Amino acid sequence: MTGGKATPKKDEALKVSCGQNVKTGQILLRGINTYKPGINVRGMGTMYALCPGKVYFTRKKTPHGKTRTFINIEPSKEKATA
C-alpha cells in the first residue's frame, strides 16, 4: 500500500437506493460527504436508519445557493400501532 498504510480503504459507497425498505440500524451509506442526514437518519461518516421504513431522497437549497441532497426514511405503517 502507498502512503504507509497497511490496509486498503473500506468500501465507501451508497448502500441503499430510493424506494428500498430498510431495518432499524441498517447502514445507508459510508464515507460519502455529498449526502446529509435527513428525517429518521443519523450519523456523519456512516449514516444509519433510526426506524424501519422506505428510503427517499430530497434536495434543498441553502441560503448560499448550494443544493444539498438529504437521505430520509419514511417510517413503515406497522410501527405506528405501538
N, C-alpha and C. Protein backbone atom coordinates (compact mmCIF):
# COMPACT_ATOMS: atom_id res chain seq x y z
N MET A 1 0.84 -1.18 0.00
CA MET A 1 0.00 0.00 0.00
C MET A 1 0.89 1.24 0.00
N THR A 2 0.40 2.27 -0.64
CA THR A 2 1.15 3.52 -0.68
C THR A 2 0.80 4.37 0.52
N GLY A 3 1.64 5.30 0.84
CA GLY A 3 1.37 6.23 1.93
C GLY A 3 1.56 5.62 3.30
N GLY A 4 2.22 4.47 3.41
CA GLY A 4 2.49 3.87 4.70
C GLY A 4 1.29 3.18 5.33
N LYS A 5 0.25 2.96 4.58
CA LYS A 5 -0.94 2.31 5.13
C LYS A 5 -0.82 0.80 4.98
N ALA A 6 -1.27 0.09 6.00
CA ALA A 6 -1.16 -1.37 5.99
C ALA A 6 -2.37 -2.04 5.35
N THR A 7 -3.54 -1.38 5.38
CA THR A 7 -4.75 -1.98 4.83
C THR A 7 -5.40 -1.02 3.85
N PRO A 8 -6.10 -1.55 2.86
CA PRO A 8 -6.79 -0.68 1.91
C PRO A 8 -8.03 -0.04 2.55
N LYS A 9 -8.57 1.00 1.91
CA LYS A 9 -9.77 1.67 2.42
C LYS A 9 -10.97 0.73 2.39
N LYS A 10 -11.88 0.95 3.30
CA LYS A 10 -13.12 0.19 3.32
C LYS A 10 -13.99 0.62 2.14
N ASP A 11 -14.99 -0.16 1.85
CA ASP A 11 -15.89 0.14 0.74
C ASP A 11 -16.74 1.35 1.11
N GLU A 12 -16.39 2.49 0.55
CA GLU A 12 -17.12 3.72 0.83
C GLU A 12 -18.10 3.97 -0.30
N ALA A 13 -19.38 3.73 -0.04
CA ALA A 13 -20.37 3.86 -1.10
C ALA A 13 -21.76 3.97 -0.51
N LEU A 14 -22.71 4.31 -1.36
CA LEU A 14 -24.11 4.32 -1.00
C LEU A 14 -24.59 2.88 -0.95
N LYS A 15 -25.17 2.45 0.16
CA LYS A 15 -25.55 1.05 0.36
C LYS A 15 -27.00 0.75 -0.02
N VAL A 16 -27.83 1.79 -0.14
CA VAL A 16 -29.25 1.60 -0.46
C VAL A 16 -29.65 2.53 -1.60
N SER A 17 -30.81 2.25 -2.20
CA SER A 17 -31.33 3.10 -3.25
C SER A 17 -32.71 3.62 -2.86
N CYS A 18 -33.21 4.56 -3.62
CA CYS A 18 -34.51 5.17 -3.34
C CYS A 18 -35.62 4.13 -3.48
N GLY A 19 -36.53 4.11 -2.50
CA GLY A 19 -37.64 3.17 -2.52
C GLY A 19 -37.35 1.84 -1.85
N GLN A 20 -36.12 1.63 -1.42
CA GLN A 20 -35.74 0.36 -0.79
C GLN A 20 -36.18 0.34 0.67
N ASN A 21 -36.65 -0.81 1.16
CA ASN A 21 -37.03 -0.97 2.56
C ASN A 21 -35.78 -1.23 3.39
N VAL A 22 -35.72 -0.59 4.57
CA VAL A 22 -34.57 -0.77 5.46
C VAL A 22 -35.06 -1.11 6.86
N LYS A 23 -34.16 -1.68 7.67
CA LYS A 23 -34.44 -2.02 9.06
C LYS A 23 -33.80 -0.97 9.96
N THR A 24 -34.19 -0.96 11.23
CA THR A 24 -33.58 -0.07 12.21
C THR A 24 -32.10 -0.41 12.36
N GLY A 25 -31.26 0.61 12.31
CA GLY A 25 -29.82 0.42 12.47
C GLY A 25 -29.08 0.02 11.22
N GLN A 26 -29.78 -0.17 10.12
CA GLN A 26 -29.12 -0.57 8.87
C GLN A 26 -28.29 0.59 8.32
N ILE A 27 -27.09 0.29 7.85
CA ILE A 27 -26.20 1.30 7.30
C ILE A 27 -26.71 1.71 5.92
N LEU A 28 -26.85 3.03 5.73
CA LEU A 28 -27.37 3.56 4.47
C LEU A 28 -26.25 3.98 3.54
N LEU A 29 -25.21 4.59 4.09
CA LEU A 29 -24.05 4.96 3.30
C LEU A 29 -22.85 5.09 4.21
N ARG A 30 -21.68 5.01 3.60
CA ARG A 30 -20.45 5.04 4.38
C ARG A 30 -19.41 5.87 3.63
N GLY A 31 -18.88 6.89 4.29
CA GLY A 31 -17.75 7.64 3.77
C GLY A 31 -18.03 8.58 2.62
N ILE A 32 -19.28 8.97 2.42
CA ILE A 32 -19.61 9.91 1.34
C ILE A 32 -20.09 11.21 1.96
N ASN A 33 -19.50 12.32 1.57
CA ASN A 33 -19.88 13.61 2.14
C ASN A 33 -20.88 14.37 1.29
N THR A 34 -21.33 13.81 0.17
CA THR A 34 -22.26 14.52 -0.70
C THR A 34 -23.70 14.44 -0.20
N TYR A 35 -24.01 13.52 0.70
CA TYR A 35 -25.35 13.37 1.25
C TYR A 35 -25.35 13.83 2.70
N LYS A 36 -26.47 14.41 3.14
CA LYS A 36 -26.64 14.86 4.51
C LYS A 36 -27.74 14.04 5.17
N PRO A 37 -27.68 13.82 6.50
CA PRO A 37 -28.75 13.07 7.17
C PRO A 37 -30.04 13.89 7.22
N GLY A 38 -31.14 13.23 6.91
CA GLY A 38 -32.45 13.89 6.93
C GLY A 38 -33.32 13.31 8.03
N ILE A 39 -34.59 13.09 7.70
CA ILE A 39 -35.57 12.59 8.67
C ILE A 39 -35.31 11.12 8.96
N ASN A 40 -35.26 10.76 10.25
CA ASN A 40 -35.05 9.39 10.74
C ASN A 40 -33.71 8.79 10.31
N VAL A 41 -32.70 9.64 10.11
CA VAL A 41 -31.35 9.20 9.75
C VAL A 41 -30.37 9.92 10.65
N ARG A 42 -29.34 9.20 11.13
CA ARG A 42 -28.29 9.79 11.96
C ARG A 42 -26.93 9.38 11.43
N GLY A 43 -25.93 10.13 11.84
CA GLY A 43 -24.55 9.78 11.51
C GLY A 43 -23.85 10.85 10.71
N MET A 44 -22.53 10.77 10.70
CA MET A 44 -21.73 11.71 9.93
C MET A 44 -20.99 10.95 8.82
N GLY A 45 -20.01 10.16 9.18
CA GLY A 45 -19.28 9.38 8.18
C GLY A 45 -20.07 8.17 7.73
N THR A 46 -20.73 7.51 8.68
CA THR A 46 -21.58 6.36 8.40
C THR A 46 -22.99 6.72 8.83
N MET A 47 -23.92 6.78 7.90
CA MET A 47 -25.31 7.11 8.23
C MET A 47 -26.12 5.83 8.35
N TYR A 48 -27.03 5.81 9.32
CA TYR A 48 -27.83 4.62 9.59
C TYR A 48 -29.28 5.02 9.86
N ALA A 49 -30.18 4.06 9.69
CA ALA A 49 -31.62 4.28 9.85
C ALA A 49 -32.00 4.23 11.33
N LEU A 50 -32.87 5.15 11.75
CA LEU A 50 -33.36 5.17 13.13
C LEU A 50 -34.65 4.36 13.30
N CYS A 51 -35.33 4.06 12.21
CA CYS A 51 -36.57 3.28 12.27
C CYS A 51 -36.72 2.50 10.97
N PRO A 52 -37.53 1.44 10.98
CA PRO A 52 -37.76 0.70 9.73
C PRO A 52 -38.65 1.51 8.79
N GLY A 53 -38.41 1.39 7.51
CA GLY A 53 -39.22 2.12 6.54
C GLY A 53 -38.60 2.13 5.17
N LYS A 54 -39.02 3.11 4.34
CA LYS A 54 -38.57 3.24 2.96
C LYS A 54 -37.64 4.43 2.82
N VAL A 55 -36.61 4.27 2.00
CA VAL A 55 -35.63 5.32 1.75
C VAL A 55 -36.14 6.26 0.67
N TYR A 56 -35.97 7.58 0.89
CA TYR A 56 -36.22 8.56 -0.18
C TYR A 56 -35.23 9.71 -0.03
N PHE A 57 -34.97 10.38 -1.14
CA PHE A 57 -34.01 11.47 -1.17
C PHE A 57 -34.74 12.78 -1.45
N THR A 58 -34.25 13.87 -0.83
CA THR A 58 -34.78 15.20 -1.10
C THR A 58 -33.62 16.14 -1.37
N ARG A 59 -33.91 17.20 -2.10
CA ARG A 59 -32.90 18.23 -2.37
C ARG A 59 -33.43 19.56 -1.87
N LYS A 60 -32.55 20.31 -1.19
CA LYS A 60 -32.91 21.63 -0.68
C LYS A 60 -31.79 22.60 -1.00
N LYS A 61 -32.16 23.85 -1.25
CA LYS A 61 -31.17 24.88 -1.49
C LYS A 61 -30.80 25.55 -0.18
N THR A 62 -29.51 25.83 0.01
CA THR A 62 -29.05 26.54 1.18
C THR A 62 -29.17 28.04 0.92
N PRO A 63 -29.07 28.87 1.96
CA PRO A 63 -29.11 30.32 1.74
C PRO A 63 -27.97 30.83 0.85
N HIS A 64 -26.90 30.05 0.72
CA HIS A 64 -25.76 30.47 -0.08
C HIS A 64 -25.86 30.00 -1.53
N GLY A 65 -26.95 29.35 -1.90
CA GLY A 65 -27.17 28.94 -3.28
C GLY A 65 -26.74 27.53 -3.62
N LYS A 66 -26.15 26.80 -2.67
CA LYS A 66 -25.77 25.42 -2.93
C LYS A 66 -26.98 24.50 -2.78
N THR A 67 -26.97 23.40 -3.49
CA THR A 67 -28.02 22.39 -3.36
C THR A 67 -27.49 21.22 -2.56
N ARG A 68 -28.22 20.83 -1.52
CA ARG A 68 -27.84 19.69 -0.68
C ARG A 68 -28.82 18.54 -0.90
N THR A 69 -28.31 17.33 -0.90
CA THR A 69 -29.15 16.14 -1.02
C THR A 69 -29.23 15.47 0.34
N PHE A 70 -30.45 15.25 0.81
CA PHE A 70 -30.69 14.63 2.11
C PHE A 70 -31.24 13.22 1.89
N ILE A 71 -30.79 12.30 2.74
CA ILE A 71 -31.30 10.93 2.71
C ILE A 71 -32.26 10.79 3.89
N ASN A 72 -33.48 10.31 3.63
CA ASN A 72 -34.55 10.25 4.62
C ASN A 72 -35.15 8.85 4.66
N ILE A 73 -35.86 8.58 5.77
CA ILE A 73 -36.59 7.32 5.91
C ILE A 73 -38.05 7.66 6.20
N GLU A 74 -38.95 7.12 5.37
CA GLU A 74 -40.38 7.23 5.64
C GLU A 74 -40.76 6.01 6.48
N PRO A 75 -41.19 6.21 7.75
CA PRO A 75 -41.48 5.07 8.62
C PRO A 75 -42.56 4.16 8.04
N SER A 76 -42.40 2.86 8.30
CA SER A 76 -43.40 1.89 7.83
C SER A 76 -44.64 2.00 8.69
N LYS A 77 -45.77 1.58 8.15
CA LYS A 77 -47.06 1.73 8.83
C LYS A 77 -47.20 0.81 10.04
N GLU A 78 -46.51 -0.33 10.07
CA GLU A 78 -46.64 -1.28 11.18
C GLU A 78 -46.16 -0.69 12.49
N LYS A 79 -45.17 0.20 12.44
CA LYS A 79 -44.60 0.76 13.65
C LYS A 79 -45.59 1.70 14.35
N ALA A 80 -46.53 2.30 13.62
CA ALA A 80 -47.46 3.27 14.17
C ALA A 80 -48.45 2.64 15.15
N THR A 81 -48.62 1.32 15.17
CA THR A 81 -49.57 0.67 16.06
C THR A 81 -48.98 0.38 17.44
N ALA A 82 -47.83 0.89 17.76
CA ALA A 82 -47.18 0.61 19.04
C ALA A 82 -47.82 1.36 20.18
